[in-house]
C-alpha cells in the first residue's frame, strides 16, 4: 500500500470515527516505535541513531506532499 493510499484510508477512518481523535497521540507514539524497529531492520541502522520520539506532528505527516527525507528531523 502506498503512503498516499495509507493517508487516504487513515483520513477516512478518522472522519468515520471522530471519537478516536483523543487517542491519536498515543497511536502515533506506538506506530513510531514499530516504525523505528522496521527502519532499523530494513536499513541496517542502529535504532539509537533515529529520533526516540516521532519528530513530526500528525497533521504534518498527513499532508499530501510530506515525506520524511524531505524534512529536517527536529530531534537531530
C-alpha atoms as a PDB file:
ATOM      1  CA  UNK A   1       0.000   0.000   0.000  1.00  0.00           C
ATOM      2  CA  UNK A   2       1.416   3.393  -0.935  1.00  0.00           C
ATOM      3  CA  UNK A   3       1.891   6.252   1.506  1.00  0.00           C
ATOM      4  CA  UNK A   4      -0.784   8.185  -0.369  1.00  0.00           C
ATOM      5  CA  UNK A   5      -3.268   5.322  -0.053  1.00  0.00           C
ATOM      6  CA  UNK A   6      -2.498   4.887   3.637  1.00  0.00           C
ATOM      7  CA  UNK A   7      -3.089   8.589   4.251  1.00  0.00           C
ATOM      8  CA  UNK A   8      -6.422   8.476   2.439  1.00  0.00           C
ATOM      9  CA  UNK A   9      -7.534   5.404   4.369  1.00  0.00           C
ATOM     10  CA  UNK A  10      -6.490   6.933   7.675  1.00  0.00           C
ATOM     11  CA  UNK A  11      -8.196  10.224   6.863  1.00  0.00           C
ATOM     12  CA  UNK A  12     -11.414   8.388   6.002  1.00  0.00           C
ATOM     13  CA  UNK A  13     -11.153   6.267   9.143  1.00  0.00           C
ATOM     14  CA  UNK A  14     -10.731   9.373  11.304  1.00  0.00           C
ATOM     15  CA  UNK A  15     -13.737  11.061   9.666  1.00  0.00           C
ATOM     16  CA  UNK A  16     -15.863   7.978  10.250  1.00  0.00           C
ATOM     17  CA  UNK A  17     -14.615   7.582  13.844  1.00  0.00           C
ATOM     18  CA  UNK A  18     -14.155  11.054  15.362  1.00  0.00           C
ATOM     19  CA  UNK A  19     -14.087   9.543  18.843  1.00  0.00           C
ATOM     20  CA  UNK A  20     -10.576   8.257  18.044  1.00  0.00           C
ATOM     21  CA  UNK A  21      -9.095  11.764  17.963  1.00  0.00           C
ATOM     22  CA  UNK A  22      -8.241  11.825  21.704  1.00  0.00           C
ATOM     23  CA  UNK A  23      -6.239   8.611  21.200  1.00  0.00           C
ATOM     24  CA  UNK A  24      -4.265   9.946  18.248  1.00  0.00           C
ATOM     25  CA  UNK A  25      -1.123  10.990  20.143  1.00  0.00           C
ATOM     26  CA  UNK A  26      -0.759   7.546  21.716  1.00  0.00           C
ATOM     27  CA  UNK A  27      -1.400   5.839  18.371  1.00  0.00           C
ATOM     28  CA  UNK A  28       1.345   7.917  16.732  1.00  0.00           C
ATOM     29  CA  UNK A  29       3.778   7.087  19.564  1.00  0.00           C
ATOM     30  CA  UNK A  30       3.053   3.387  19.217  1.00  0.00           C
ATOM     31  CA  UNK A  31       3.237   3.384  15.418  1.00  0.00           C
ATOM     32  CA  UNK A  32       6.505   5.321  15.508  1.00  0.00           C
ATOM     33  CA  UNK A  33       8.039   2.772  17.881  1.00  0.00           C
ATOM     34  CA  UNK A  34       7.219  -0.002  15.422  1.00  0.00           C
ATOM     35  CA  UNK A  35       8.451   2.128  12.507  1.00  0.00           C
ATOM     36  CA  UNK A  36      11.841   2.617  14.190  1.00  0.00           C
ATOM     37  CA  UNK A  37      12.214  -1.143  14.594  1.00  0.00           C
ATOM     38  CA  UNK A  38      11.290  -1.731  10.961  1.00  0.00           C
ATOM     39  CA  UNK A  39      13.532   1.063   9.673  1.00  0.00           C
ATOM     40  CA  UNK A  40      16.442  -0.330  11.657  1.00  0.00           C
ATOM     41  CA  UNK A  41      15.935  -3.804  10.216  1.00  0.00           C
ATOM     42  CA  UNK A  42      15.454  -2.580   6.644  1.00  0.00           C
ATOM     43  CA  UNK A  43      18.354  -0.112   6.594  1.00  0.00           C
ATOM     44  CA  UNK A  44      20.834  -1.717   8.959  1.00  0.00           C
ATOM     45  CA  UNK A  45      20.944   1.482  11.012  1.00  0.00           C
ATOM     46  CA  UNK A  46      21.117   1.203  14.762  1.00  0.00           C
ATOM     47  CA  UNK A  47      17.869   2.240  16.446  1.00  0.00           C
ATOM     48  CA  UNK A  48      19.724   4.736  18.626  1.00  0.00           C
ATOM     49  CA  UNK A  49      20.624   6.904  15.598  1.00  0.00           C
ATOM     50  CA  UNK A  50      16.940   7.537  14.913  1.00  0.00           C
ATOM     51  CA  UNK A  51      14.924  10.064  16.927  1.00  0.00           C
ATOM     52  CA  UNK A  52      13.443   8.449  20.047  1.00  0.00           C
ATOM     53  CA  UNK A  53      10.081  10.143  19.507  1.00  0.00           C
ATOM     54  CA  UNK A  54       8.318  10.973  16.281  1.00  0.00           C
ATOM     55  CA  UNK A  55       9.671  14.365  15.206  1.00  0.00           C
ATOM     56  CA  UNK A  56       6.666  15.281  13.068  1.00  0.00           C
ATOM     57  CA  UNK A  57       3.170  16.243  14.169  1.00  0.00           C
ATOM     58  CA  UNK A  58       0.328  14.096  12.865  1.00  0.00           C
ATOM     59  CA  UNK A  59      -1.069  16.968  10.812  1.00  0.00           C
ATOM     60  CA  UNK A  60       2.248  17.379   9.000  1.00  0.00           C
ATOM     61  CA  UNK A  61       2.549  13.655   8.294  1.00  0.00           C
ATOM     62  CA  UNK A  62      -0.917  13.703   6.751  1.00  0.00           C
ATOM     63  CA  UNK A  63      -0.011  16.433   4.246  1.00  0.00           C
ATOM     64  CA  UNK A  64      -0.034  15.102   0.703  1.00  0.00           C
ATOM     65  CA  UNK A  65       3.470  16.340  -0.136  1.00  0.00           C
ATOM     66  CA  UNK A  66       5.148  15.324   3.134  1.00  0.00           C
ATOM     67  CA  UNK A  67       7.913  12.737   3.057  1.00  0.00           C
ATOM     68  CA  UNK A  68      10.391  12.490   5.955  1.00  0.00           C
ATOM     69  CA  UNK A  69      13.510  12.520   3.780  1.00  0.00           C
ATOM     70  CA  UNK A  70      12.491  15.947   2.537  1.00  0.00           C
ATOM     71  CA  UNK A  71      12.271  17.324   6.048  1.00  0.00           C
ATOM     72  CA  UNK A  72      14.782  18.020   8.776  1.00  0.00           C
ATOM     73  CA  UNK A  73      14.290  15.933  11.888  1.00  0.00           C
ATOM     74  CA  UNK A  74      13.573  18.150  14.873  1.00  0.00           C
ATOM     75  CA  UNK A  75      15.274  15.594  17.106  1.00  0.00           C
ATOM     76  CA  UNK A  76      18.629  15.810  15.339  1.00  0.00           C
END
